[in-house]
Amino acid sequence: MKMNLRIRDLREDRDLTQSQVAAYLLCDQSLYSKYECGKRDLPLRLAIKLADFYDVSLDYLVGREFPKR
C-alpha cells in the first residue's frame, strides 16, 4: 500500500478532515490533499509527525508492517 493511501485511511478511520490534519502539520489543506492524492511526496519530517499523531510506526506508513495496538 502506498503511503498516500495509508495516511488517507488513517485520517478517515479517525473521522478527521483534511483541514484538521493540515492544521496539525501547519500546512494548507490543499497541500495536504496533494499528499493524500499522491501528487506530492510527503516530506520525512511530516511523515514523522503523522506517525506520532496516529501512533503508528514509519514502517506502517510506508506499508512495511501492521499498526501498533
N, C-alpha and C. Protein backbone atom coordinates (compact mmCIF):
# COMPACT_ATOMS: atom_id res chain seq x y z
N MET A 1 0.85 -1.18 0.00
CA MET A 1 0.00 0.00 0.00
C MET A 1 0.89 1.24 0.00
N LYS A 2 0.53 2.19 -0.81
CA LYS A 2 1.31 3.43 -0.87
C LYS A 2 1.02 4.29 0.35
N MET A 3 2.01 5.11 0.70
CA MET A 3 1.87 5.96 1.89
C MET A 3 0.68 6.90 1.76
N ASN A 4 0.42 7.43 0.57
CA ASN A 4 -0.69 8.36 0.43
C ASN A 4 -2.02 7.69 0.78
N LEU A 5 -2.19 6.44 0.40
CA LEU A 5 -3.43 5.72 0.74
C LEU A 5 -3.49 5.42 2.23
N ARG A 6 -2.35 5.12 2.80
CA ARG A 6 -2.30 4.81 4.22
C ARG A 6 -2.67 6.03 5.06
N ILE A 7 -2.15 7.22 4.70
CA ILE A 7 -2.47 8.39 5.51
C ILE A 7 -3.93 8.80 5.34
N ARG A 8 -4.49 8.56 4.16
CA ARG A 8 -5.91 8.84 3.97
C ARG A 8 -6.76 7.90 4.81
N ASP A 9 -6.42 6.61 4.78
CA ASP A 9 -7.17 5.63 5.57
C ASP A 9 -7.10 5.94 7.06
N LEU A 10 -5.93 6.30 7.54
CA LEU A 10 -5.78 6.63 8.96
C LEU A 10 -6.64 7.84 9.32
N ARG A 11 -6.64 8.84 8.47
CA ARG A 11 -7.44 10.04 8.73
C ARG A 11 -8.93 9.70 8.74
N GLU A 12 -9.37 8.96 7.73
CA GLU A 12 -10.79 8.62 7.64
C GLU A 12 -11.23 7.71 8.78
N ASP A 13 -10.37 6.79 9.19
CA ASP A 13 -10.71 5.89 10.31
C ASP A 13 -10.95 6.67 11.60
N ARG A 14 -10.34 7.83 11.71
CA ARG A 14 -10.49 8.66 12.92
C ARG A 14 -11.48 9.81 12.73
N ASP A 15 -12.20 9.76 11.60
CA ASP A 15 -13.23 10.78 11.31
C ASP A 15 -12.67 12.20 11.37
N LEU A 16 -11.49 12.38 10.80
CA LEU A 16 -10.86 13.70 10.74
C LEU A 16 -10.98 14.25 9.32
N THR A 17 -10.98 15.56 9.21
CA THR A 17 -10.97 16.20 7.90
C THR A 17 -9.53 16.47 7.47
N GLN A 18 -9.37 16.70 6.19
CA GLN A 18 -8.05 17.09 5.71
C GLN A 18 -7.61 18.38 6.35
N SER A 19 -8.54 19.29 6.56
CA SER A 19 -8.20 20.58 7.19
C SER A 19 -7.67 20.40 8.61
N GLN A 20 -8.26 19.47 9.35
CA GLN A 20 -7.79 19.22 10.73
C GLN A 20 -6.37 18.68 10.73
N VAL A 21 -6.09 17.73 9.85
CA VAL A 21 -4.75 17.16 9.80
C VAL A 21 -3.76 18.20 9.28
N ALA A 22 -4.16 18.97 8.28
CA ALA A 22 -3.29 20.01 7.75
C ALA A 22 -2.94 21.04 8.82
N ALA A 23 -3.92 21.39 9.66
CA ALA A 23 -3.65 22.34 10.75
C ALA A 23 -2.62 21.77 11.71
N TYR A 24 -2.70 20.48 12.01
CA TYR A 24 -1.72 19.84 12.88
C TYR A 24 -0.32 19.91 12.26
N LEU A 25 -0.27 19.71 10.94
CA LEU A 25 1.02 19.73 10.24
C LEU A 25 1.49 21.14 9.90
N LEU A 26 0.66 22.13 10.18
CA LEU A 26 0.96 23.53 9.88
C LEU A 26 1.16 23.74 8.37
N CYS A 27 0.24 23.18 7.59
CA CYS A 27 0.26 23.39 6.15
C CYS A 27 -1.16 23.65 5.66
N ASP A 28 -1.30 24.06 4.42
CA ASP A 28 -2.62 24.31 3.84
C ASP A 28 -3.32 22.98 3.55
N GLN A 29 -4.63 23.02 3.59
CA GLN A 29 -5.42 21.83 3.27
C GLN A 29 -5.15 21.39 1.83
N SER A 30 -4.98 22.34 0.92
CA SER A 30 -4.74 21.99 -0.48
C SER A 30 -3.42 21.23 -0.66
N LEU A 31 -2.41 21.61 0.11
CA LEU A 31 -1.14 20.89 0.06
C LEU A 31 -1.30 19.50 0.66
N TYR A 32 -1.99 19.41 1.80
CA TYR A 32 -2.20 18.09 2.40
C TYR A 32 -2.98 17.18 1.45
N SER A 33 -3.95 17.73 0.75
CA SER A 33 -4.71 16.95 -0.22
C SER A 33 -3.79 16.35 -1.28
N LYS A 34 -2.80 17.11 -1.70
CA LYS A 34 -1.85 16.60 -2.70
C LYS A 34 -1.03 15.45 -2.13
N TYR A 35 -0.71 15.49 -0.84
CA TYR A 35 -0.01 14.36 -0.22
C TYR A 35 -0.89 13.12 -0.26
N GLU A 36 -2.16 13.26 0.09
CA GLU A 36 -3.08 12.12 0.11
C GLU A 36 -3.35 11.58 -1.29
N CYS A 37 -3.38 12.45 -2.28
CA CYS A 37 -3.66 12.02 -3.65
C CYS A 37 -2.42 11.47 -4.36
N GLY A 38 -1.26 11.61 -3.72
CA GLY A 38 -0.03 11.13 -4.32
C GLY A 38 0.55 12.09 -5.35
N LYS A 39 0.05 13.33 -5.37
CA LYS A 39 0.56 14.32 -6.32
C LYS A 39 1.83 14.99 -5.84
N ARG A 40 2.06 14.94 -4.53
CA ARG A 40 3.29 15.46 -3.93
C ARG A 40 3.82 14.42 -2.95
N ASP A 41 5.13 14.31 -2.87
CA ASP A 41 5.75 13.42 -1.89
C ASP A 41 5.67 14.05 -0.51
N LEU A 42 5.34 13.25 0.47
CA LEU A 42 5.27 13.70 1.85
C LEU A 42 6.69 13.79 2.40
N PRO A 43 7.12 14.98 2.84
CA PRO A 43 8.47 15.10 3.41
C PRO A 43 8.62 14.22 4.66
N LEU A 44 9.82 13.75 4.89
CA LEU A 44 10.09 12.87 6.02
C LEU A 44 9.67 13.52 7.34
N ARG A 45 9.94 14.80 7.53
CA ARG A 45 9.60 15.45 8.79
C ARG A 45 8.09 15.42 9.04
N LEU A 46 7.29 15.51 7.98
CA LEU A 46 5.84 15.44 8.14
C LEU A 46 5.38 14.00 8.32
N ALA A 47 6.05 13.07 7.68
CA ALA A 47 5.73 11.66 7.88
C ALA A 47 5.96 11.27 9.35
N ILE A 48 7.03 11.78 9.93
CA ILE A 48 7.32 11.51 11.34
C ILE A 48 6.22 12.10 12.22
N LYS A 49 5.81 13.33 11.92
CA LYS A 49 4.73 13.96 12.69
C LYS A 49 3.43 13.16 12.59
N LEU A 50 3.12 12.68 11.38
CA LEU A 50 1.89 11.90 11.21
C LEU A 50 1.98 10.55 11.93
N ALA A 51 3.14 9.92 11.89
CA ALA A 51 3.31 8.65 12.60
C ALA A 51 3.08 8.86 14.10
N ASP A 52 3.60 9.94 14.64
CA ASP A 52 3.38 10.25 16.05
C ASP A 52 1.91 10.56 16.31
N PHE A 53 1.30 11.35 15.44
CA PHE A 53 -0.10 11.75 15.59
C PHE A 53 -1.03 10.55 15.61
N TYR A 54 -0.79 9.61 14.70
CA TYR A 54 -1.65 8.42 14.60
C TYR A 54 -1.16 7.25 15.46
N ASP A 55 -0.03 7.43 16.14
CA ASP A 55 0.56 6.39 16.98
C ASP A 55 0.84 5.11 16.18
N VAL A 56 1.48 5.30 15.03
CA VAL A 56 1.92 4.19 14.19
C VAL A 56 3.40 4.39 13.88
N SER A 57 4.04 3.38 13.36
CA SER A 57 5.45 3.49 13.00
C SER A 57 5.58 4.03 11.57
N LEU A 58 6.76 4.53 11.27
CA LEU A 58 7.05 4.93 9.89
C LEU A 58 6.97 3.72 8.96
N ASP A 59 7.37 2.56 9.45
CA ASP A 59 7.26 1.35 8.64
C ASP A 59 5.81 1.10 8.25
N TYR A 60 4.89 1.32 9.17
CA TYR A 60 3.48 1.14 8.86
C TYR A 60 3.04 2.15 7.79
N LEU A 61 3.45 3.40 7.92
CA LEU A 61 3.05 4.41 6.93
C LEU A 61 3.50 4.05 5.53
N VAL A 62 4.65 3.42 5.41
CA VAL A 62 5.14 3.07 4.08
C VAL A 62 4.76 1.64 3.68
N GLY A 63 3.94 0.98 4.51
CA GLY A 63 3.41 -0.32 4.14
C GLY A 63 4.27 -1.51 4.50
N ARG A 64 5.13 -1.37 5.49
CA ARG A 64 6.03 -2.46 5.85
C ARG A 64 5.56 -3.31 7.01
N GLU A 65 4.56 -2.85 7.79
CA GLU A 65 4.10 -3.64 8.93
C GLU A 65 2.69 -3.24 9.30
N PHE A 66 2.10 -3.98 10.20
CA PHE A 66 0.76 -3.69 10.68
C PHE A 66 0.83 -2.59 11.74
N PRO A 67 -0.29 -1.91 12.01
CA PRO A 67 -0.28 -0.82 13.00
C PRO A 67 -0.02 -1.32 14.40
N LYS A 68 0.55 -0.42 15.23
CA LYS A 68 0.75 -0.74 16.66
C LYS A 68 -0.60 -0.77 17.31
N ARG A 69 -0.76 -1.60 18.29
CA ARG A 69 -2.02 -1.68 19.05
C ARG A 69 -1.76 -1.41 20.49
